[in-house]
Structures are given as structure tokens and as C-alpha cells.
């Protein structure tokens, strides 16, 4: 089922600002001008996809996610229960991730509204989600980037992002988390955009959470 995609209204302003102040970012923005960040405004979909993508490659996560979408209606509410554990494992999820998805369905069933989450500030979002088993700092930041389209989110826990920073800014040497965090300050208040183009520089697939 095709879903409507919404693009952040601040995207062009942020791109123009980054391109003006960072030559490498300007090059990336020009090279990958074919697409931009979007959201389908579906919290359960977004958080479920971040769980599936934890600690595996983009290609592996994409394959598992396609099988998941084929069997379950991921777009309309929290669709997993305790009886789904074995089926989720057959799809290719570990028992831990399958349990995380079931737990997420239970915790989010009364809070699967985009407007509810969009009205919370970053700290309120973090405080709510961090108590859900299977949702850690990385997943929370992916949610804020890809579902809520917050403009200034950066995750030094993302291996792909560190790899892309190494490739583009550190002579192909991957920075430490601390180095990456400090370096990212040059992109404020548009670190979401910088992250997006860095990801694009190492993976042609446009990610949608």
C-alpha cells in the first residue's frame, strides 16, 4: 500500500546554509539532489523499522523488513502480540528482536499518533521511549530524524555515519564517537541534513523509517 510522504519545510534553508559553510557538504548536496528526507508520519512503523535495523546491514534489514510487510499490516496500528513470536522468528528476526516488536506493540497501542509525538520536545520523547525494551538512544534518534523530521539530530552511535564521516572528512579513517560528536557541532542547527547526505554518500538506497 502506497503511503503519502511528507518533506520537512526547513530542508532547503538548511541545505543552503550547509552548502555555504562547508565545501564537502556542498558537494554531497549537489551529488544527491535527487531526493530528500521524508516521513510517512507513522510512529509504530518507524520504531519497528529501527528495531529491525539494529546492528545489521542496510541490505539485511531491508530483506527482513520486506518479509515483515508481506505478512503484517505495518501501517495501521500496533499489529504484534505474544502469539506472533514464532512467526516473527521464521521471517528472520532473532528471538530478542521479535520480543522487542511485540513489546513495542503493547507499549505504543495508546500512543501511535504522529501529532502526539510531534508535540513533545526531544527530552520528553527520549524519556518516554528509553523505558521501552529494545529502544535505545540510536533508535530514538532515528525516530526523531525519520519520523518526526527534527532538524538537528546526530547519532555518534551510528556505524554508517561514522564510516561516512571518515570517508569524507578524516582521510578514510573512522572517527571515534567523541571526535564525531565534536565535529558535528559545525553543522548545527542542521545536523539531520548533514547526517542524511553522509549516509547517501556510502549507500545509494534512500532510507525511509
N, C-alpha and C. Protein backbone atom coordinates (compact mmCIF):
# COMPACT_ATOMS: atom_id res chain seq x y z
N UNK A 1 0.84 -1.20 0.00
CA UNK A 1 0.00 0.00 0.00
C UNK A 1 0.88 1.25 0.00
N UNK A 2 0.65 2.12 -0.95
CA UNK A 2 1.46 3.32 -1.06
C UNK A 2 1.07 4.33 0.01
N UNK A 3 2.08 4.90 0.65
CA UNK A 3 1.84 5.87 1.71
C UNK A 3 2.28 7.26 1.28
N UNK A 4 1.55 8.26 1.74
CA UNK A 4 1.95 9.64 1.46
C UNK A 4 3.25 9.96 2.19
N UNK A 5 4.12 10.68 1.50
CA UNK A 5 5.39 11.10 2.10
C UNK A 5 5.37 12.61 2.30
N UNK A 6 5.84 13.04 3.44
CA UNK A 6 5.87 14.46 3.78
C UNK A 6 7.32 14.90 3.94
N UNK A 7 7.65 16.03 3.35
CA UNK A 7 9.01 16.55 3.41
C UNK A 7 9.08 17.74 4.36
N UNK A 8 10.17 17.87 5.13
CA UNK A 8 10.28 18.99 6.07
C UNK A 8 10.38 20.33 5.35
N UNK A 9 9.67 21.33 5.86
CA UNK A 9 9.64 22.63 5.21
C UNK A 9 10.98 23.37 5.33
N UNK A 10 11.81 22.92 6.26
CA UNK A 10 13.08 23.60 6.51
C UNK A 10 14.23 23.05 5.67
N UNK A 11 13.98 22.05 4.84
CA UNK A 11 15.05 21.34 4.14
C UNK A 11 15.92 22.25 3.27
N UNK A 12 15.30 23.06 2.43
CA UNK A 12 16.07 23.91 1.52
C UNK A 12 16.90 24.94 2.28
N UNK A 13 16.31 25.55 3.30
CA UNK A 13 17.05 26.52 4.10
C UNK A 13 18.29 25.89 4.71
N UNK A 14 18.13 24.69 5.26
CA UNK A 14 19.25 24.00 5.88
C UNK A 14 20.31 23.61 4.87
N UNK A 15 19.89 23.12 3.71
CA UNK A 15 20.85 22.74 2.66
C UNK A 15 21.64 23.94 2.19
N UNK A 16 20.96 25.05 1.98
CA UNK A 16 21.63 26.27 1.53
C UNK A 16 22.67 26.72 2.56
N UNK A 17 22.31 26.63 3.82
CA UNK A 17 23.22 27.05 4.89
C UNK A 17 24.45 26.15 4.97
N UNK A 18 24.24 24.84 4.91
CA UNK A 18 25.36 23.90 4.96
C UNK A 18 26.27 24.06 3.74
N UNK A 19 25.67 24.21 2.56
CA UNK A 19 26.46 24.34 1.35
C UNK A 19 27.31 25.62 1.36
N UNK A 20 26.79 26.64 1.98
CA UNK A 20 27.50 27.92 2.06
C UNK A 20 28.73 27.82 2.97
N UNK A 21 28.65 27.00 4.00
CA UNK A 21 29.68 26.98 5.03
C UNK A 21 30.58 25.74 5.03
N UNK A 22 30.29 24.76 4.16
CA UNK A 22 31.06 23.52 4.17
C UNK A 22 31.18 23.02 2.73
N UNK A 23 32.39 23.07 2.17
CA UNK A 23 32.60 22.71 0.76
C UNK A 23 32.29 21.24 0.49
N UNK A 24 32.65 20.38 1.42
CA UNK A 24 32.38 18.96 1.23
C UNK A 24 30.88 18.69 1.28
N UNK A 25 30.20 19.33 2.21
CA UNK A 25 28.75 19.16 2.30
C UNK A 25 28.06 19.71 1.05
N UNK A 26 28.59 20.80 0.53
CA UNK A 26 28.04 21.36 -0.71
C UNK A 26 28.13 20.35 -1.84
N UNK A 27 29.26 19.67 -1.93
CA UNK A 27 29.45 18.65 -2.97
C UNK A 27 28.46 17.50 -2.80
N UNK A 28 28.29 17.04 -1.56
CA UNK A 28 27.36 15.95 -1.31
C UNK A 28 25.93 16.34 -1.63
N UNK A 29 25.56 17.54 -1.25
CA UNK A 29 24.19 18.02 -1.53
C UNK A 29 23.95 18.10 -3.03
N UNK A 30 24.94 18.55 -3.78
CA UNK A 30 24.81 18.61 -5.25
C UNK A 30 24.77 17.22 -5.87
N UNK A 31 25.57 16.30 -5.32
CA UNK A 31 25.64 14.95 -5.87
C UNK A 31 24.36 14.15 -5.65
N UNK A 32 23.68 14.44 -4.56
CA UNK A 32 22.49 13.65 -4.20
C UNK A 32 21.25 14.53 -4.09
N UNK A 33 21.11 15.40 -5.07
CA UNK A 33 19.98 16.33 -5.07
C UNK A 33 18.69 15.69 -5.57
N UNK A 34 18.75 14.38 -5.90
CA UNK A 34 17.60 13.69 -6.47
C UNK A 34 16.51 13.40 -5.44
N UNK A 35 16.85 13.49 -4.15
CA UNK A 35 15.86 13.15 -3.12
C UNK A 35 16.17 13.90 -1.84
N UNK A 36 15.24 13.82 -0.91
CA UNK A 36 15.45 14.47 0.38
C UNK A 36 14.70 13.70 1.46
N UNK A 37 14.95 14.06 2.69
CA UNK A 37 14.32 13.40 3.83
C UNK A 37 12.80 13.49 3.73
N UNK A 38 12.14 12.41 4.11
CA UNK A 38 10.68 12.41 4.12
C UNK A 38 10.17 11.57 5.29
N UNK A 39 8.91 11.70 5.58
CA UNK A 39 8.28 10.92 6.64
C UNK A 39 6.89 10.49 6.20
N UNK A 40 6.48 9.29 6.63
CA UNK A 40 5.09 8.89 6.40
C UNK A 40 4.26 9.12 7.66
N UNK A 41 4.89 9.72 8.67
CA UNK A 41 4.22 10.13 9.91
C UNK A 41 3.52 8.97 10.61
N UNK A 42 4.23 7.86 10.74
CA UNK A 42 3.68 6.66 11.37
C UNK A 42 4.64 6.18 12.45
N UNK A 43 4.40 6.54 13.71
CA UNK A 43 5.35 6.20 14.79
C UNK A 43 5.64 4.71 14.93
N UNK A 44 4.61 3.86 14.91
CA UNK A 44 4.83 2.43 15.09
C UNK A 44 5.68 1.87 13.96
N UNK A 45 5.39 2.25 12.74
CA UNK A 45 6.16 1.82 11.57
C UNK A 45 7.62 2.21 11.75
N UNK A 46 7.85 3.46 12.12
CA UNK A 46 9.21 3.98 12.24
C UNK A 46 10.01 3.26 13.32
N UNK A 47 9.43 3.12 14.50
CA UNK A 47 10.14 2.48 15.61
C UNK A 47 10.34 0.99 15.36
N UNK A 48 9.38 0.35 14.71
CA UNK A 48 9.54 -1.06 14.36
C UNK A 48 10.70 -1.24 13.39
N UNK A 49 10.79 -0.36 12.42
CA UNK A 49 11.85 -0.48 11.42
C UNK A 49 13.22 -0.23 12.04
N UNK A 50 13.28 0.66 13.03
CA UNK A 50 14.56 0.90 13.69
C UNK A 50 14.99 -0.32 14.50
N UNK A 51 14.04 -1.04 15.09
CA UNK A 51 14.36 -2.27 15.82
C UNK A 51 14.90 -3.33 14.86
N UNK A 52 14.23 -3.50 13.72
CA UNK A 52 14.68 -4.47 12.73
C UNK A 52 16.09 -4.14 12.25
N UNK A 53 16.40 -2.85 12.12
CA UNK A 53 17.69 -2.43 11.57
C UNK A 53 18.85 -2.40 12.55
N UNK A 54 18.59 -2.69 13.80
CA UNK A 54 19.65 -2.62 14.81
C UNK A 54 20.76 -3.62 14.53
N UNK A 55 22.00 -3.12 14.42
CA UNK A 55 23.22 -3.94 14.38
C UNK A 55 23.28 -4.92 13.22
N UNK A 56 22.57 -4.63 12.12
CA UNK A 56 22.73 -5.42 10.90
C UNK A 56 22.84 -4.46 9.72
N UNK A 57 23.28 -4.96 8.59
CA UNK A 57 23.48 -4.10 7.42
C UNK A 57 22.15 -3.60 6.88
N UNK A 58 22.22 -2.53 6.11
CA UNK A 58 21.03 -1.97 5.48
C UNK A 58 20.36 -3.02 4.59
N UNK A 59 21.16 -3.76 3.84
CA UNK A 59 20.62 -4.78 2.92
C UNK A 59 19.90 -5.89 3.69
N UNK A 60 20.51 -6.36 4.77
CA UNK A 60 19.90 -7.42 5.57
C UNK A 60 18.60 -6.94 6.22
N UNK A 61 18.63 -5.72 6.74
CA UNK A 61 17.44 -5.15 7.37
C UNK A 61 16.32 -4.99 6.35
N UNK A 62 16.67 -4.54 5.15
CA UNK A 62 15.67 -4.35 4.09
C UNK A 62 15.00 -5.66 3.71
N UNK A 63 15.78 -6.74 3.64
CA UNK A 63 15.23 -8.05 3.28
C UNK A 63 14.25 -8.54 4.34
N UNK A 64 14.63 -8.42 5.61
CA UNK A 64 13.74 -8.86 6.69
C UNK A 64 12.48 -8.00 6.72
N UNK A 65 12.66 -6.69 6.52
CA UNK A 65 11.52 -5.78 6.58
C UNK A 65 10.50 -6.07 5.48
N UNK A 66 10.97 -6.41 4.30
CA UNK A 66 10.05 -6.73 3.20
C UNK A 66 9.22 -7.97 3.53
N UNK A 67 9.85 -8.96 4.15
CA UNK A 67 9.10 -10.16 4.55
C UNK A 67 8.09 -9.82 5.65
N UNK A 68 8.47 -8.91 6.52
CA UNK A 68 7.58 -8.49 7.61
C UNK A 68 6.36 -7.77 7.05
N UNK A 69 6.60 -6.86 6.11
CA UNK A 69 5.50 -6.12 5.50
C UNK A 69 4.56 -7.03 4.71
N UNK A 70 5.12 -8.08 4.13
CA UNK A 70 4.31 -9.01 3.34
C UNK A 70 3.32 -9.76 4.23
N UNK A 71 3.72 -10.05 5.45
CA UNK A 71 2.88 -10.86 6.34
C UNK A 71 2.00 -10.02 7.28
N UNK A 72 2.48 -8.81 7.63
CA UNK A 72 1.75 -8.00 8.61
C UNK A 72 1.42 -6.61 8.04
N UNK A 73 0.35 -6.04 8.55
CA UNK A 73 -0.04 -4.68 8.17
C UNK A 73 0.68 -3.70 9.09
N UNK A 74 1.85 -3.25 8.64
CA UNK A 74 2.68 -2.38 9.47
C UNK A 74 2.17 -0.94 9.52
N UNK A 75 1.25 -0.59 8.64
CA UNK A 75 0.83 0.80 8.52
C UNK A 75 -0.33 1.17 9.44
N UNK A 76 -1.07 0.19 9.89
CA UNK A 76 -2.30 0.50 10.61
C UNK A 76 -2.28 -0.03 12.03
N UNK A 77 -1.52 0.63 12.88
CA UNK A 77 -1.56 0.31 14.29
C UNK A 77 -0.55 -0.74 14.72
N UNK A 78 -0.60 -1.05 15.97
CA UNK A 78 0.36 -1.95 16.60
C UNK A 78 -0.11 -3.39 16.39
N UNK A 79 0.57 -4.13 15.53
CA UNK A 79 -0.02 -5.35 14.97
C UNK A 79 0.54 -6.65 15.53
N UNK A 80 1.41 -6.61 16.53
CA UNK A 80 2.00 -7.84 17.04
C UNK A 80 1.47 -8.19 18.42
N UNK A 81 1.38 -9.50 18.69
CA UNK A 81 1.05 -9.96 20.03
C UNK A 81 1.90 -11.18 20.37
N UNK A 82 1.73 -11.72 21.57
CA UNK A 82 2.59 -12.80 22.06
C UNK A 82 2.54 -14.04 21.17
N UNK A 83 1.44 -14.25 20.47
CA UNK A 83 1.31 -15.42 19.62
C UNK A 83 2.13 -15.32 18.34
N UNK A 84 2.68 -14.14 18.08
CA UNK A 84 3.43 -13.93 16.84
C UNK A 84 4.92 -14.25 16.96
N UNK A 85 5.39 -14.63 18.14
CA UNK A 85 6.82 -14.81 18.37
C UNK A 85 7.46 -15.76 17.36
N UNK A 86 6.89 -16.94 17.18
CA UNK A 86 7.48 -17.93 16.28
C UNK A 86 7.42 -17.49 14.82
N UNK A 87 6.32 -16.87 14.44
CA UNK A 87 6.21 -16.39 13.06
C UNK A 87 7.24 -15.30 12.77
N UNK A 88 7.48 -14.43 13.73
CA UNK A 88 8.47 -13.38 13.55
C UNK A 88 9.88 -13.97 13.43
N UNK A 89 10.14 -15.03 14.18
CA UNK A 89 11.44 -15.69 14.08
C UNK A 89 11.60 -16.37 12.72
N UNK A 90 10.53 -16.95 12.19
CA UNK A 90 10.59 -17.58 10.87
C UNK A 90 10.88 -16.56 9.77
N UNK A 91 10.42 -15.33 9.97
CA UNK A 91 10.66 -14.27 8.99
C UNK A 91 12.13 -13.90 8.93
N UNK A 92 12.85 -14.15 10.03
CA UNK A 92 14.28 -13.85 10.03
C UNK A 92 14.73 -12.99 11.19
N UNK A 93 13.82 -12.70 12.10
CA UNK A 93 14.17 -11.90 13.27
C UNK A 93 14.73 -12.80 14.37
N UNK A 94 15.67 -12.28 15.13
CA UNK A 94 16.13 -13.01 16.31
C UNK A 94 14.99 -13.04 17.33
N UNK A 95 15.08 -13.96 18.28
CA UNK A 95 14.04 -14.02 19.31
C UNK A 95 13.99 -12.71 20.09
N UNK A 96 15.14 -12.11 20.31
CA UNK A 96 15.18 -10.84 21.05
C UNK A 96 14.44 -9.74 20.28
N UNK A 97 14.74 -9.60 18.99
CA UNK A 97 14.08 -8.55 18.21
C UNK A 97 12.58 -8.82 18.07
N UNK A 98 12.21 -10.09 17.92
CA UNK A 98 10.79 -10.42 17.85
C UNK A 98 10.08 -10.01 19.13
N UNK A 99 10.72 -10.27 20.26
CA UNK A 99 10.15 -9.87 21.55
C UNK A 99 10.06 -8.35 21.67
N UNK A 100 11.06 -7.66 21.14
CA UNK A 100 11.04 -6.20 21.16
C UNK A 100 9.84 -5.66 20.38
N UNK A 101 9.56 -6.24 19.21
CA UNK A 101 8.44 -5.76 18.39
C UNK A 101 7.10 -6.01 19.10
N UNK A 102 6.98 -7.15 19.73
CA UNK A 102 5.75 -7.45 20.48
C UNK A 102 5.60 -6.49 21.64
N UNK A 103 6.68 -6.23 22.33
CA UNK A 103 6.64 -5.29 23.46
C UNK A 103 6.30 -3.88 22.99
N UNK A 104 6.88 -3.48 21.85
CA UNK A 104 6.58 -2.16 21.30
C UNK A 104 5.09 -2.02 20.98
N UNK A 105 4.50 -3.07 20.42
CA UNK A 105 3.07 -3.04 20.12
C UNK A 105 2.24 -2.78 21.37
N UNK A 106 2.64 -3.42 22.46
CA UNK A 106 1.90 -3.25 23.72
C UNK A 106 2.06 -1.84 24.28
N UNK A 107 3.28 -1.34 24.25
CA UNK A 107 3.57 -0.04 24.84
C UNK A 107 3.02 1.13 24.02
N UNK A 108 2.90 0.92 22.73
CA UNK A 108 2.55 2.05 21.86
C UNK A 108 1.08 2.06 21.43
N UNK A 109 0.32 1.07 21.86
CA UNK A 109 -1.04 0.94 21.34
C UNK A 109 -1.91 2.15 21.63
N UNK A 110 -1.64 2.86 22.72
CA UNK A 110 -2.43 4.06 23.03
C UNK A 110 -1.70 5.35 22.66
N UNK A 111 -0.55 5.22 22.00
CA UNK A 111 0.27 6.40 21.70
C UNK A 111 0.78 6.40 20.26
N UNK A 112 0.08 5.72 19.37
CA UNK A 112 0.54 5.65 17.99
C UNK A 112 -0.06 6.78 17.14
N UNK A 113 0.15 7.99 17.62
CA UNK A 113 -0.35 9.18 16.93
C UNK A 113 0.82 10.10 16.61
N UNK A 114 0.97 10.46 15.35
CA UNK A 114 2.06 11.35 14.97
C UNK A 114 1.95 12.69 15.71
N UNK A 115 0.75 13.22 15.81
CA UNK A 115 0.58 14.52 16.48
C UNK A 115 0.99 14.46 17.94
N UNK A 116 0.72 13.34 18.60
CA UNK A 116 1.12 13.19 20.00
C UNK A 116 2.64 13.34 20.12
N UNK A 117 3.38 12.62 19.31
CA UNK A 117 4.84 12.65 19.39
C UNK A 117 5.41 13.97 18.91
N UNK A 118 4.80 14.53 17.89
CA UNK A 118 5.31 15.78 17.32
C UNK A 118 5.18 16.94 18.30
N UNK A 119 4.26 16.84 19.23
CA UNK A 119 4.06 17.91 20.22
C UNK A 119 4.98 17.79 21.43
N UNK A 120 5.76 16.70 21.50
CA UNK A 120 6.71 16.53 22.59
C UNK A 120 8.07 17.12 22.21
N UNK A 121 8.81 17.61 23.18
CA UNK A 121 10.18 18.04 22.88
C UNK A 121 11.11 16.83 22.89
N UNK A 122 12.35 17.05 22.49
CA UNK A 122 13.29 15.93 22.35
C UNK A 122 13.47 15.17 23.65
N UNK A 123 13.59 15.87 24.75
CA UNK A 123 13.81 15.20 26.04
C UNK A 123 12.59 14.39 26.47
N UNK A 124 11.40 14.90 26.21
CA UNK A 124 10.18 14.16 26.55
C UNK A 124 10.08 12.88 25.72
N UNK A 125 10.46 12.96 24.46
CA UNK A 125 10.46 11.78 23.60
C UNK A 125 11.44 10.74 24.13
N UNK A 126 12.63 11.21 24.47
CA UNK A 126 13.67 10.31 24.98
C UNK A 126 13.20 9.63 26.27
N UNK A 127 12.64 10.39 27.17
CA UNK A 127 12.22 9.85 28.47
C UNK A 127 11.14 8.79 28.32
N UNK A 128 10.24 8.97 27.36
CA UNK A 128 9.17 8.01 27.12
C UNK A 128 9.75 6.73 26.50
N UNK A 129 10.53 6.88 25.45
CA UNK A 129 10.95 5.72 24.67
C UNK A 129 12.06 4.90 25.31
N UNK A 130 12.92 5.53 26.08
CA UNK A 130 14.07 4.81 26.63
C UNK A 130 13.63 3.72 27.61
N UNK A 131 12.43 3.82 28.14
CA UNK A 131 11.92 2.80 29.06
C UNK A 131 11.30 1.60 28.35
N UNK A 132 11.21 1.67 27.01
CA UNK A 132 10.66 0.55 26.24
C UNK A 132 11.80 -0.39 25.86
N UNK A 133 11.70 -1.64 26.25
CA UNK A 133 12.75 -2.62 25.97
C UNK A 133 12.96 -2.74 24.45
N UNK A 134 14.20 -2.63 24.04
CA UNK A 134 14.51 -2.71 22.61
C UNK A 134 14.69 -1.37 21.94
N UNK A 135 14.34 -0.29 22.65
CA UNK A 135 14.51 1.06 22.13
C UNK A 135 15.62 1.74 22.91
N UNK A 136 16.73 2.00 22.25
CA UNK A 136 17.86 2.67 22.87
C UNK A 136 18.11 4.03 22.25
N UNK A 137 19.19 4.68 22.62
CA UNK A 137 19.49 6.03 22.10
C UNK A 137 19.54 6.10 20.58
N UNK A 138 20.12 5.09 19.94
CA UNK A 138 20.20 5.10 18.47
C UNK A 138 18.80 5.08 17.85
N UNK A 139 17.96 4.15 18.32
CA UNK A 139 16.60 4.04 17.77
C UNK A 139 15.80 5.32 17.99
N UNK A 140 15.98 5.93 19.14
CA UNK A 140 15.27 7.18 19.44
C UNK A 140 15.68 8.28 18.46
N UNK A 141 16.97 8.36 18.19
CA UNK A 141 17.43 9.40 17.25
C UNK A 141 16.97 9.12 15.83
N UNK A 142 16.94 7.84 15.43
CA UNK A 142 16.42 7.51 14.10
C UNK A 142 14.94 7.90 14.01
N UNK A 143 14.21 7.68 15.08
CA UNK A 143 12.80 8.06 15.13
C UNK A 143 12.64 9.58 14.98
N UNK A 144 13.48 10.33 15.68
CA UNK A 144 13.39 11.79 15.61
C UNK A 144 13.79 12.32 14.22
N UNK A 145 14.71 11.61 13.57
CA UNK A 145 15.11 12.02 12.22
C UNK A 145 14.06 11.63 11.20
N UNK A 146 13.74 10.34 11.15
CA UNK A 146 12.98 9.81 10.01
C UNK A 146 11.47 9.89 10.17
N UNK A 147 10.96 9.89 11.38
CA UNK A 147 9.52 10.03 11.56
C UNK A 147 9.12 11.47 11.85
N UNK A 148 9.81 12.08 12.84
CA UNK A 148 9.43 13.42 13.26
C UNK A 148 10.16 14.52 12.49
N UNK A 149 11.21 14.14 11.74
CA UNK A 149 11.96 15.12 10.93
C UNK A 149 12.47 16.29 11.75
N UNK A 150 13.03 16.01 12.91
CA UNK A 150 13.67 17.07 13.71
C UNK A 150 14.96 17.49 12.99
N UNK A 151 15.26 18.79 12.91
CA UNK A 151 16.35 19.25 12.04
C UNK A 151 17.76 19.10 12.57
N UNK A 152 17.96 18.91 13.87
CA UNK A 152 19.31 18.96 14.42
C UNK A 152 19.63 17.72 15.27
N UNK A 153 19.47 16.53 14.66
CA UNK A 153 19.73 15.28 15.36
C UNK A 153 20.98 14.63 14.77
N UNK A 154 21.84 14.16 15.65
CA UNK A 154 23.07 13.50 15.22
C UNK A 154 23.34 12.31 16.14
N UNK A 155 23.67 11.15 15.56
CA UNK A 155 23.92 9.95 16.34
C UNK A 155 25.35 9.44 16.11
N UNK A 156 26.19 9.63 17.11
CA UNK A 156 27.55 9.10 17.02
C UNK A 156 27.57 7.59 17.26
N UNK A 157 26.41 7.01 17.58
CA UNK A 157 26.30 5.56 17.73
C UNK A 157 26.07 4.85 16.39
N UNK A 158 25.86 5.62 15.33
CA UNK A 158 25.56 5.03 14.03
C UNK A 158 26.86 4.71 13.29
N UNK A 159 27.12 3.42 13.08
CA UNK A 159 28.38 3.00 12.45
C UNK A 159 28.49 3.52 11.02
N UNK A 160 27.39 3.51 10.29
CA UNK A 160 27.40 4.01 8.92
C UNK A 160 27.76 5.49 8.86
N UNK A 161 27.24 6.24 9.81
CA UNK A 161 27.53 7.67 9.85
C UNK A 161 29.00 7.93 10.15
N UNK A 162 29.57 7.17 11.08
CA UNK A 162 30.99 7.31 11.39
C UNK A 162 31.84 6.93 10.18
N UNK A 163 31.43 5.88 9.48
CA UNK A 163 32.15 5.45 8.28
C UNK A 163 32.13 6.55 7.22
N UNK A 164 30.97 7.15 7.02
CA UNK A 164 30.83 8.21 6.02
C UNK A 164 31.63 9.45 6.40
N UNK A 165 31.66 9.78 7.68
CA UNK A 165 32.47 10.91 8.13
C UNK A 165 33.95 10.65 7.89
N UNK A 166 34.38 9.41 8.16
CA UNK A 166 35.76 9.06 7.89
C UNK A 166 36.10 9.19 6.42
N UNK A 167 35.21 8.71 5.57
CA UNK A 167 35.42 8.75 4.13
C UNK A 167 35.50 10.18 3.60
N UNK A 168 34.64 11.05 4.11
CA UNK A 168 34.52 12.40 3.56
C UNK A 168 35.36 13.46 4.26
N UNK A 169 35.69 13.23 5.53
CA UNK A 169 36.34 14.29 6.31
C UNK A 169 37.64 13.87 7.02
N UNK A 170 37.89 12.57 7.20
CA UNK A 170 39.01 12.13 8.02
C UNK A 170 39.97 11.22 7.26
N UNK A 171 40.14 11.49 5.96
CA UNK A 171 41.08 10.70 5.14
C UNK A 171 40.83 9.20 5.25
N UNK A 172 39.55 8.85 5.24
CA UNK A 172 39.10 7.45 5.27
C UNK A 172 39.39 6.74 6.59
N UNK A 173 39.68 7.50 7.64
CA UNK A 173 39.86 6.93 8.96
C UNK A 173 38.61 7.23 9.80
N UNK A 174 38.00 6.20 10.31
CA UNK A 174 36.76 6.38 11.05
C UNK A 174 37.01 7.12 12.36
N UNK A 175 36.30 8.22 12.61
CA UNK A 175 36.49 8.95 13.87
C UNK A 175 35.90 8.20 15.05
N UNK A 176 36.37 8.50 16.24
CA UNK A 176 35.74 7.96 17.43
C UNK A 176 34.39 8.65 17.64
N UNK A 177 33.58 8.10 18.52
CA UNK A 177 32.29 8.71 18.81
C UNK A 177 32.48 10.14 19.32
N UNK A 178 33.45 10.32 20.18
CA UNK A 178 33.70 11.65 20.74
C UNK A 178 34.17 12.63 19.67
N UNK A 179 35.05 12.18 18.81
CA UNK A 179 35.52 13.04 17.71
C UNK A 179 34.36 13.41 16.78
N UNK A 180 33.53 12.43 16.48
CA UNK A 180 32.39 12.68 15.59
C UNK A 180 31.41 13.67 16.21
N UNK A 181 31.14 13.49 17.50
CA UNK A 181 30.21 14.38 18.20
C UNK A 181 30.72 15.83 18.16
N UNK A 182 31.98 16.01 18.45
CA UNK A 182 32.56 17.36 18.44
C UNK A 182 32.56 17.95 17.04
N UNK A 183 32.93 17.12 16.06
CA UNK A 183 32.98 17.60 14.68
C UNK A 183 31.61 18.01 14.17
N UNK A 184 30.58 17.29 14.61
CA UNK A 184 29.22 17.56 14.12
C UNK A 184 28.70 18.92 14.53
N UNK A 185 29.31 19.53 15.53
CA UNK A 185 28.84 20.84 16.01
C UNK A 185 28.94 21.90 14.93
N UNK A 186 29.83 21.70 13.95
CA UNK A 186 29.97 22.66 12.86
C UNK A 186 28.72 22.71 11.98
N UNK A 187 27.91 21.66 12.04
CA UNK A 187 26.70 21.59 11.21
C UNK A 187 25.44 22.07 11.92
N UNK A 188 25.52 22.40 13.20
CA UNK A 188 24.35 22.89 13.92
C UNK A 188 23.82 24.16 13.24
N UNK A 189 22.52 24.37 13.17
CA UNK A 189 21.42 23.55 13.70
C UNK A 189 20.83 22.59 12.66
N UNK A 190 21.66 22.08 11.73
CA UNK A 190 21.17 21.26 10.62
C UNK A 190 21.86 19.90 10.58
N UNK A 191 22.11 19.30 11.73
CA UNK A 191 22.85 18.03 11.73
C UNK A 191 22.06 16.87 11.14
N UNK A 192 20.75 16.97 11.15
CA UNK A 192 19.95 15.94 10.48
C UNK A 192 20.26 15.91 8.98
N UNK A 193 20.33 17.08 8.37
CA UNK A 193 20.63 17.15 6.93
C UNK A 193 22.02 16.62 6.65
N UNK A 194 22.99 17.04 7.46
CA UNK A 194 24.36 16.55 7.27
C UNK A 194 24.41 15.03 7.38
N UNK A 195 23.71 14.47 8.35
CA UNK A 195 23.67 13.02 8.51
C UNK A 195 23.07 12.34 7.29
N UNK A 196 21.99 12.91 6.80
CA UNK A 196 21.30 12.35 5.64
C UNK A 196 22.24 12.25 4.43
N UNK A 197 22.96 13.32 4.14
CA UNK A 197 23.84 13.30 2.97
C UNK A 197 25.08 12.45 3.19
N UNK A 198 25.54 12.36 4.40
CA UNK A 198 26.64 11.46 4.69
C UNK A 198 26.22 10.00 4.47
N UNK A 199 25.03 9.64 4.92
CA UNK A 199 24.52 8.29 4.65
C UNK A 199 24.41 8.03 3.16
N UNK A 200 23.90 9.00 2.43
CA UNK A 200 23.75 8.84 0.97
C UNK A 200 25.10 8.63 0.30
N UNK A 201 26.17 9.20 0.85
CA UNK A 201 27.47 9.09 0.22
C UNK A 201 28.04 7.67 0.25
N UNK A 202 27.51 6.82 1.14
CA UNK A 202 28.01 5.45 1.22
C UNK A 202 26.95 4.42 0.87
N UNK A 203 25.70 4.84 0.71
CA UNK A 203 24.63 3.89 0.41
C UNK A 203 23.63 4.57 -0.52
N UNK A 204 23.48 4.07 -1.75
CA UNK A 204 22.58 4.72 -2.71
C UNK A 204 21.11 4.61 -2.36
N UNK A 205 20.75 3.67 -1.48
CA UNK A 205 19.35 3.47 -1.12
C UNK A 205 18.86 4.61 -0.23
N UNK A 206 17.73 5.18 -0.60
CA UNK A 206 17.11 6.23 0.21
C UNK A 206 16.34 5.57 1.35
N UNK A 207 16.76 5.84 2.57
CA UNK A 207 16.17 5.18 3.73
C UNK A 207 14.86 5.87 4.13
N UNK A 208 13.87 5.08 4.44
CA UNK A 208 12.60 5.61 4.94
C UNK A 208 12.22 4.82 6.18
N UNK A 209 12.07 5.52 7.29
CA UNK A 209 11.65 4.88 8.55
C UNK A 209 10.25 5.34 8.89
